[in-house]
C-alpha atoms as a PDB file:
ATOM      1  CA  MET A   1     202.889 269.857  45.863  1.00  0.00           C
ATOM      2  CA  ILE A   2     203.391 273.616  45.908  1.00  0.00           C
ATOM      3  CA  ALA A   3     204.647 275.036  49.197  1.00  0.00           C
ATOM      4  CA  THR A   4     203.788 278.549  50.321  1.00  0.00           C
ATOM      5  CA  ASN A   5     206.488 280.945  51.481  1.00  0.00           C
ATOM      6  CA  PHE A   6     205.323 280.420  55.063  1.00  0.00           C
ATOM      7  CA  GLU A   7     205.636 276.641  54.745  1.00  0.00           C
ATOM      8  CA  LEU A   8     209.132 277.004  53.292  1.00  0.00           C
ATOM      9  CA  LEU A   9     210.204 279.315  56.121  1.00  0.00           C
ATOM     10  CA  ARG A  10     208.797 276.931  58.717  1.00  0.00           C
ATOM     11  CA  LEU A  11     210.558 273.970  57.107  1.00  0.00           C
ATOM     12  CA  ALA A  12     213.832 275.888  57.055  1.00  0.00           C
ATOM     13  CA  ALA A  13     213.440 276.839  60.714  1.00  0.00           C
ATOM     14  CA  GLU A  14     212.657 273.258  61.729  1.00  0.00           C
ATOM     15  CA  THR A  15     215.564 271.935  59.697  1.00  0.00           C
ATOM     16  CA  TYR A  16     218.308 274.409  60.538  1.00  0.00           C
ATOM     17  CA  ALA A  17     217.391 276.162  63.792  1.00  0.00           C
ATOM     18  CA  PRO A  18     218.555 274.349  66.913  1.00  0.00           C
ATOM     19  CA  ALA A  19     216.447 274.495  70.046  1.00  0.00           C
ATOM     20  CA  MET A  20     217.203 277.600  72.072  1.00  0.00           C
ATOM     21  CA  ASN A  21     216.712 278.874  75.615  1.00  0.00           C
ATOM     22  CA  ILE A  22     214.406 281.888  75.363  1.00  0.00           C
ATOM     23  CA  LEU A  23     213.312 284.512  77.913  1.00  0.00           C
ATOM     24  CA  VAL A  24     209.863 286.030  77.364  1.00  0.00           C
ATOM     25  CA  THR A  25     209.132 289.139  79.428  1.00  0.00           C
ATOM     26  CA  GLY A  26     205.454 289.515  80.220  1.00  0.00           C
ATOM     27  CA  GLY A  27     205.104 285.789  79.631  1.00  0.00           C
ATOM     28  CA  ALA A  28     201.970 285.389  81.762  1.00  0.00           C
ATOM     29  CA  GLY A  29     199.870 287.877  79.810  1.00  0.00           C
ATOM     30  CA  PHE A  30     197.733 287.200  76.759  1.00  0.00           C
ATOM     31  CA  ILE A  31     200.328 287.832  74.077  1.00  0.00           C
ATOM     32  CA  GLY A  32     203.305 286.610  76.102  1.00  0.00           C
ATOM     33  CA  SER A  33     201.656 283.318  77.059  1.00  0.00           C
ATOM     34  CA  HIS A  34     200.787 282.622  73.431  1.00  0.00           C
ATOM     35  CA  VAL A  35     204.387 283.399  72.415  1.00  0.00           C
ATOM     36  CA  CYS A  36     205.584 281.006  75.123  1.00  0.00           C
ATOM     37  CA  GLU A  37     203.244 278.277  73.942  1.00  0.00           C
ATOM     38  CA  ARG A  38     204.389 278.592  70.332  1.00  0.00           C
ATOM     39  CA  LEU A  39     208.064 278.539  71.316  1.00  0.00           C
ATOM     40  CA  LEU A  40     207.534 275.481  73.527  1.00  0.00           C
ATOM     41  CA  ARG A  41     205.662 273.632  70.785  1.00  0.00           C
ATOM     42  CA  ASP A  42     208.509 274.505  68.396  1.00  0.00           C
ATOM     43  CA  GLY A  43     210.943 272.708  70.727  1.00  0.00           C
ATOM     44  CA  HIS A  44     212.528 275.568  72.645  1.00  0.00           C
ATOM     45  CA  ALA A  45     213.069 275.886  76.399  1.00  0.00           C
ATOM     46  CA  VAL A  46     211.205 278.945  77.684  1.00  0.00           C
ATOM     47  CA  TRP A  47     211.613 281.151  80.734  1.00  0.00           C
ATOM     48  CA  ALA A  48     208.687 283.530  81.340  1.00  0.00           C
ATOM     49  CA  PHE A  49     209.351 286.617  83.460  1.00  0.00           C
ATOM     50  CA  ASP A  50     206.312 288.524  84.744  1.00  0.00           C
ATOM     51  CA  ASP A  51     205.335 290.618  87.760  1.00  0.00           C
ATOM     52  CA  LEU A  52     201.666 289.500  87.563  1.00  0.00           C
ATOM     53  CA  ASN A  53     200.515 293.114  87.972  1.00  0.00           C
ATOM     54  CA  ASP A  54     196.847 294.028  88.043  1.00  0.00           C
ATOM     55  CA  PHE A  55     196.690 295.741  84.624  1.00  0.00           C
ATOM     56  CA  TYR A  56     194.109 293.022  84.142  1.00  0.00           C
ATOM     57  CA  SER A  57     193.150 290.119  86.380  1.00  0.00           C
ATOM     58  CA  PRO A  58     196.177 288.326  87.848  1.00  0.00           C
ATOM     59  CA  ALA A  59     193.929 285.239  88.067  1.00  0.00           C
ATOM     60  CA  ILE A  60     193.818 285.135  84.260  1.00  0.00           C
ATOM     61  CA  LYS A  61     197.610 285.395  84.130  1.00  0.00           C
ATOM     62  CA  GLN A  62     197.943 282.580  86.661  1.00  0.00           C
ATOM     63  CA  ALA A  63     195.593 280.450  84.569  1.00  0.00           C
ATOM     64  CA  ASN A  64     197.787 281.150  81.526  1.00  0.00           C
ATOM     65  CA  LEU A  65     200.811 279.945  83.505  1.00  0.00           C
ATOM     66  CA  ARG A  66     199.040 276.775  84.634  1.00  0.00           C
ATOM     67  CA  SER A  67     198.150 276.073  81.018  1.00  0.00           C
ATOM     68  CA  LEU A  68     201.788 276.464  79.952  1.00  0.00           C
ATOM     69  CA  GLN A  69     203.012 274.273  82.824  1.00  0.00           C
ATOM     70  CA  SER A  70     200.495 271.575  81.905  1.00  0.00           C
ATOM     71  CA  LEU A  71     202.197 271.134  78.520  1.00  0.00           C
ATOM     72  CA  ALA A  72     204.994 269.255  80.338  1.00  0.00           C
ATOM     73  CA  LEU A  73     207.590 271.002  78.182  1.00  0.00           C
ATOM     74  CA  PRO A  74     210.729 272.876  79.374  1.00  0.00           C
ATOM     75  CA  PHE A  75     208.995 275.922  80.880  1.00  0.00           C
ATOM     76  CA  THR A  76     210.097 277.992  83.876  1.00  0.00           C
ATOM     77  CA  PHE A  77     208.234 280.941  85.396  1.00  0.00           C
ATOM     78  CA  VAL A  78     210.084 283.712  87.239  1.00  0.00           C
ATOM     79  CA  HIS A  79     208.000 286.170  89.240  1.00  0.00           C
ATOM     80  CA  GLY A  80     209.653 289.572  89.275  1.00  0.00           C
ATOM     81  CA  ASP A  81     209.655 293.188  88.175  1.00  0.00           C
ATOM     82  CA  LEU A  82     212.325 294.482  85.810  1.00  0.00           C
ATOM     83  CA  THR A  83     211.984 297.950  87.342  1.00  0.00           C
ATOM     84  CA  ASP A  84     212.812 296.685  90.858  1.00  0.00           C
ATOM     85  CA  ALA A  85     216.195 298.286  91.548  1.00  0.00           C
ATOM     86  CA  VAL A  86     216.575 296.331  94.820  1.00  0.00           C
ATOM     87  CA  ALA A  87     216.489 292.982  93.033  1.00  0.00           C
ATOM     88  CA  GLY A  88     219.301 294.003  90.678  1.00  0.00           C
END
């Protein structure tokens, strides 16, 4: 069997990379939620930080979060805004 470079990299990552705790900012959006899903499926614990703004429908972002939570993997959502000086 001939392995592609991608397959070799994936095998190396699965073999040598321990599970990590990872923070994904914008984790409820389209790209962020897909990043979260991939990290979860790869065995990592994921924290998603998002302010659920209305750049596009917050209902879509909430549906993305429900989908991630339904995986029953180590996922935590934190609602917040990095630009909120009061929270710091």
